[in-house]
Amino acid sequence: MSVFLATVKPRYSVINVAVDSLNCAAMSATAVALSALAMHTS
């Protein structure tokens, strides 16, 4: 499906990839922060 989108709407898919990677980075940072907090409190 992403390949289809990439061929039809290149700009749209590029934005989606950027947003996806930002979301992934934010989730990873949150997970790291939460696990660090858990380690400190326990």
PDB file of N, CA and C in Angstrom:
ATOM      1  N   MET A   1       0.833  -1.201   0.000  1.00  0.00           N
ATOM      2  CA  MET A   1       0.000   0.000   0.000  1.00  0.00           C
ATOM      3  C   MET A   1       0.866   1.248   0.000  1.00  0.00           C
ATOM      4  N   SER A   2       1.938   1.243   0.783  1.00  0.00           N
ATOM      5  CA  SER A   2       2.808   2.425   0.840  1.00  0.00           C
ATOM      6  C   SER A   2       3.497   2.665  -0.499  1.00  0.00           C
ATOM      7  N   VAL A   3       3.820   1.568  -1.208  1.00  0.00           N
ATOM      8  CA  VAL A   3       4.428   1.715  -2.532  1.00  0.00           C
ATOM      9  C   VAL A   3       3.434   2.373  -3.479  1.00  0.00           C
ATOM     10  N   PHE A   4       2.186   1.958  -3.397  1.00  0.00           N
ATOM     11  CA  PHE A   4       1.128   2.547  -4.225  1.00  0.00           C
ATOM     12  C   PHE A   4       1.002   4.037  -3.932  1.00  0.00           C
ATOM     13  N   LEU A   5       0.991   4.403  -2.669  1.00  0.00           N
ATOM     14  CA  LEU A   5       0.905   5.815  -2.293  1.00  0.00           C
ATOM     15  C   LEU A   5       2.120   6.577  -2.790  1.00  0.00           C
ATOM     16  N   ALA A   6       3.276   5.951  -2.709  1.00  0.00           N
ATOM     17  CA  ALA A   6       4.508   6.618  -3.131  1.00  0.00           C
ATOM     18  C   ALA A   6       4.476   6.940  -4.617  1.00  0.00           C
ATOM     19  N   THR A   7       3.849   6.065  -5.405  1.00  0.00           N
ATOM     20  CA  THR A   7       3.800   6.314  -6.846  1.00  0.00           C
ATOM     21  C   THR A   7       2.737   7.354  -7.179  1.00  0.00           C
ATOM     22  N   VAL A   8       1.648   7.372  -6.408  1.00  0.00           N
ATOM     23  CA  VAL A   8       0.545   8.295  -6.708  1.00  0.00           C
ATOM     24  C   VAL A   8       0.801   9.675  -6.117  1.00  0.00           C
ATOM     25  N   LYS A   9       1.174   9.713  -4.836  1.00  0.00           N
ATOM     26  CA  LYS A   9       1.374  10.999  -4.164  1.00  0.00           C
ATOM     27  C   LYS A   9       2.737  11.021  -3.483  1.00  0.00           C
ATOM     28  N   PRO A  10       3.802  11.332  -4.203  1.00  0.00           N
ATOM     29  CA  PRO A  10       5.141  11.312  -3.607  1.00  0.00           C
ATOM     30  C   PRO A  10       5.276  12.260  -2.416  1.00  0.00           C
ATOM     31  N   ARG A  11       4.792  13.489  -2.557  1.00  0.00           N
ATOM     32  CA  ARG A  11       4.934  14.452  -1.454  1.00  0.00           C
ATOM     33  C   ARG A  11       4.185  13.987  -0.223  1.00  0.00           C
ATOM     34  N   TYR A  12       2.980  13.506  -0.440  1.00  0.00           N
ATOM     35  CA  TYR A  12       2.150  13.048   0.675  1.00  0.00           C
ATOM     36  C   TYR A  12       2.835  11.918   1.435  1.00  0.00           C
ATOM     37  N   SER A  13       3.407  10.968   0.692  1.00  0.00           N
ATOM     38  CA  SER A  13       4.033   9.825   1.343  1.00  0.00           C
ATOM     39  C   SER A  13       5.318  10.236   2.064  1.00  0.00           C
ATOM     40  N   VAL A  14       6.037  11.194   1.496  1.00  0.00           N
ATOM     41  CA  VAL A  14       7.253  11.679   2.160  1.00  0.00           C
ATOM     42  C   VAL A  14       6.893  12.308   3.497  1.00  0.00           C
ATOM     43  N   ILE A  15       5.817  13.102   3.498  1.00  0.00           N
ATOM     44  CA  ILE A  15       5.357  13.718   4.752  1.00  0.00           C
ATOM     45  C   ILE A  15       4.952  12.635   5.746  1.00  0.00           C
ATOM     46  N   ASN A  16       4.253  11.625   5.253  1.00  0.00           N
ATOM     47  CA  ASN A  16       3.825  10.537   6.132  1.00  0.00           C
ATOM     48  C   ASN A  16       5.019   9.820   6.750  1.00  0.00           C
ATOM     49  N   VAL A  17       6.034   9.563   5.944  1.00  0.00           N
ATOM     50  CA  VAL A  17       7.233   8.889   6.449  1.00  0.00           C
ATOM     51  C   VAL A  17       7.904   9.746   7.518  1.00  0.00           C
ATOM     52  N   ALA A  18       7.980  11.054   7.269  1.00  0.00           N
ATOM     53  CA  ALA A  18       8.588  11.960   8.241  1.00  0.00           C
ATOM     54  C   ALA A  18       7.801  11.950   9.542  1.00  0.00           C
ATOM     55  N   VAL A  19       6.483  12.024   9.437  1.00  0.00           N
ATOM     56  CA  VAL A  19       5.633  12.006  10.633  1.00  0.00           C
ATOM     57  C   VAL A  19       5.769  10.679  11.366  1.00  0.00           C
ATOM     58  N   ASP A  20       5.792   9.587  10.607  1.00  0.00           N
ATOM     59  CA  ASP A  20       5.925   8.268  11.217  1.00  0.00           C
ATOM     60  C   ASP A  20       7.239   8.141  11.982  1.00  0.00           C
ATOM     61  N   SER A  21       8.333   8.600  11.377  1.00  0.00           N
ATOM     62  CA  SER A  21       9.621   8.478  12.045  1.00  0.00           C
ATOM     63  C   SER A  21       9.679   9.393  13.264  1.00  0.00           C
ATOM     64  N   LEU A  22       9.040  10.567  13.179  1.00  0.00           N
ATOM     65  CA  LEU A  22       8.981  11.460  14.339  1.00  0.00           C
ATOM     66  C   LEU A  22       8.190  10.802  15.459  1.00  0.00           C
ATOM     67  N   ASN A  23       7.057  10.219  15.126  1.00  0.00           N
ATOM     68  CA  ASN A  23       6.239   9.531  16.123  1.00  0.00           C
ATOM     69  C   ASN A  23       7.021   8.389  16.757  1.00  0.00           C
ATOM     70  N   CYS A  24       7.735   7.648  15.931  1.00  0.00           N
ATOM     71  CA  CYS A  24       8.522   6.521  16.423  1.00  0.00           C
ATOM     72  C   CYS A  24       9.607   7.020  17.378  1.00  0.00           C
ATOM     73  N   ALA A  25      10.279   8.095  17.013  1.00  0.00           N
ATOM     74  CA  ALA A  25      11.326   8.658  17.862  1.00  0.00           C
ATOM     75  C   ALA A  25      10.735   9.149  19.175  1.00  0.00           C
ATOM     76  N   ALA A  26       9.580   9.799  19.099  1.00  0.00           N
ATOM     77  CA  ALA A  26       8.932  10.305  20.309  1.00  0.00           C
ATOM     78  C   ALA A  26       8.533   9.155  21.223  1.00  0.00           C
ATOM     79  N   MET A  27       8.000   8.084  20.639  1.00  0.00           N
ATOM     80  CA  MET A  27       7.604   6.928  21.432  1.00  0.00           C
ATOM     81  C   MET A  27       8.820   6.262  22.069  1.00  0.00           C
ATOM     82  N   SER A  28       9.915   6.179  21.327  1.00  0.00           N
ATOM     83  CA  SER A  28      11.134   5.581  21.867  1.00  0.00           C
ATOM     84  C   SER A  28      11.664   6.417  23.024  1.00  0.00           C
ATOM     85  N   ALA A  29      11.670   7.744  22.834  1.00  0.00           N
ATOM     86  CA  ALA A  29      12.155   8.637  23.886  1.00  0.00           C
ATOM     87  C   ALA A  29      11.282   8.506  25.123  1.00  0.00           C
ATOM     88  N   THR A  30       9.968   8.424  24.922  1.00  0.00           N
ATOM     89  CA  THR A  30       9.044   8.271  26.050  1.00  0.00           C
ATOM     90  C   THR A  30       9.299   6.954  26.766  1.00  0.00           C
ATOM     91  N   ALA A  31       9.497   5.894  26.005  1.00  0.00           N
ATOM     92  CA  ALA A  31       9.741   4.582  26.601  1.00  0.00           C
ATOM     93  C   ALA A  31      11.033   4.594  27.409  1.00  0.00           C
ATOM     94  N   VAL A  32      12.064   5.224  26.862  1.00  0.00           N
ATOM     95  CA  VAL A  32      13.346   5.309  27.573  1.00  0.00           C
ATOM     96  C   VAL A  32      13.180   6.106  28.858  1.00  0.00           C
ATOM     97  N   ALA A  33      12.471   7.235  28.768  1.00  0.00           N
ATOM     98  CA  ALA A  33      12.260   8.074  29.949  1.00  0.00           C
ATOM     99  C   ALA A  33      11.480   7.313  31.014  1.00  0.00           C
ATOM    100  N   LEU A  34      10.444   6.596  30.591  1.00  0.00           N
ATOM    101  CA  LEU A  34       9.625   5.851  31.545  1.00  0.00           C
ATOM    102  C   LEU A  34      10.423   4.736  32.205  1.00  0.00           C
ATOM    103  N   SER A  35      11.219   4.025  31.429  1.00  0.00           N
ATOM    104  CA  SER A  35      11.997   2.931  32.011  1.00  0.00           C
ATOM    105  C   SER A  35      13.073   3.481  32.943  1.00  0.00           C
ATOM    106  N   ALA A  36      13.638   4.635  32.596  1.00  0.00           N
ATOM    107  CA  ALA A  36      14.627   5.261  33.472  1.00  0.00           C
ATOM    108  C   ALA A  36      13.969   5.675  34.782  1.00  0.00           C
ATOM    109  N   LEU A  37      12.770   6.243  34.683  1.00  0.00           N
ATOM    110  CA  LEU A  37      12.024   6.619  35.886  1.00  0.00           C
ATOM    111  C   LEU A  37      11.738   5.397  36.740  1.00  0.00           C
ATOM    112  N   ALA A  38      11.311   4.325  36.104  1.00  0.00           N
ATOM    113  CA  ALA A  38      10.982   3.102  36.830  1.00  0.00           C
ATOM    114  C   ALA A  38      12.209   2.565  37.555  1.00  0.00           C
ATOM    115  N   MET A  39      13.370   2.635  36.907  1.00  0.00           N
ATOM    116  CA  MET A  39      14.601   2.155  37.531  1.00  0.00           C
ATOM    117  C   MET A  39      14.950   3.002  38.756  1.00  0.00           C
ATOM    118  N   HIS A  40      14.760   4.329  38.629  1.00  0.00           N
ATOM    119  CA  HIS A  40      15.107   5.217  39.738  1.00  0.00           C
ATOM    120  C   HIS A  40      14.171   5.012  40.926  1.00  0.00           C
ATOM    121  N   THR A  41      12.893   4.796  40.652  1.00  0.00           N
ATOM    122  CA  THR A  41      11.931   4.703  41.744  1.00  0.00           C
ATOM    123  C   THR A  41      11.997   3.350  42.438  1.00  0.00           C
ATOM    124  N   SER A  42      12.311   2.293  41.700  1.00  0.00           N
ATOM    125  CA  SER A  42      12.303   0.960  42.305  1.00  0.00           C
ATOM    126  C   SER A  42      13.567   0.707  43.120  1.00  0.00           C
TER     127      SER A  42
END
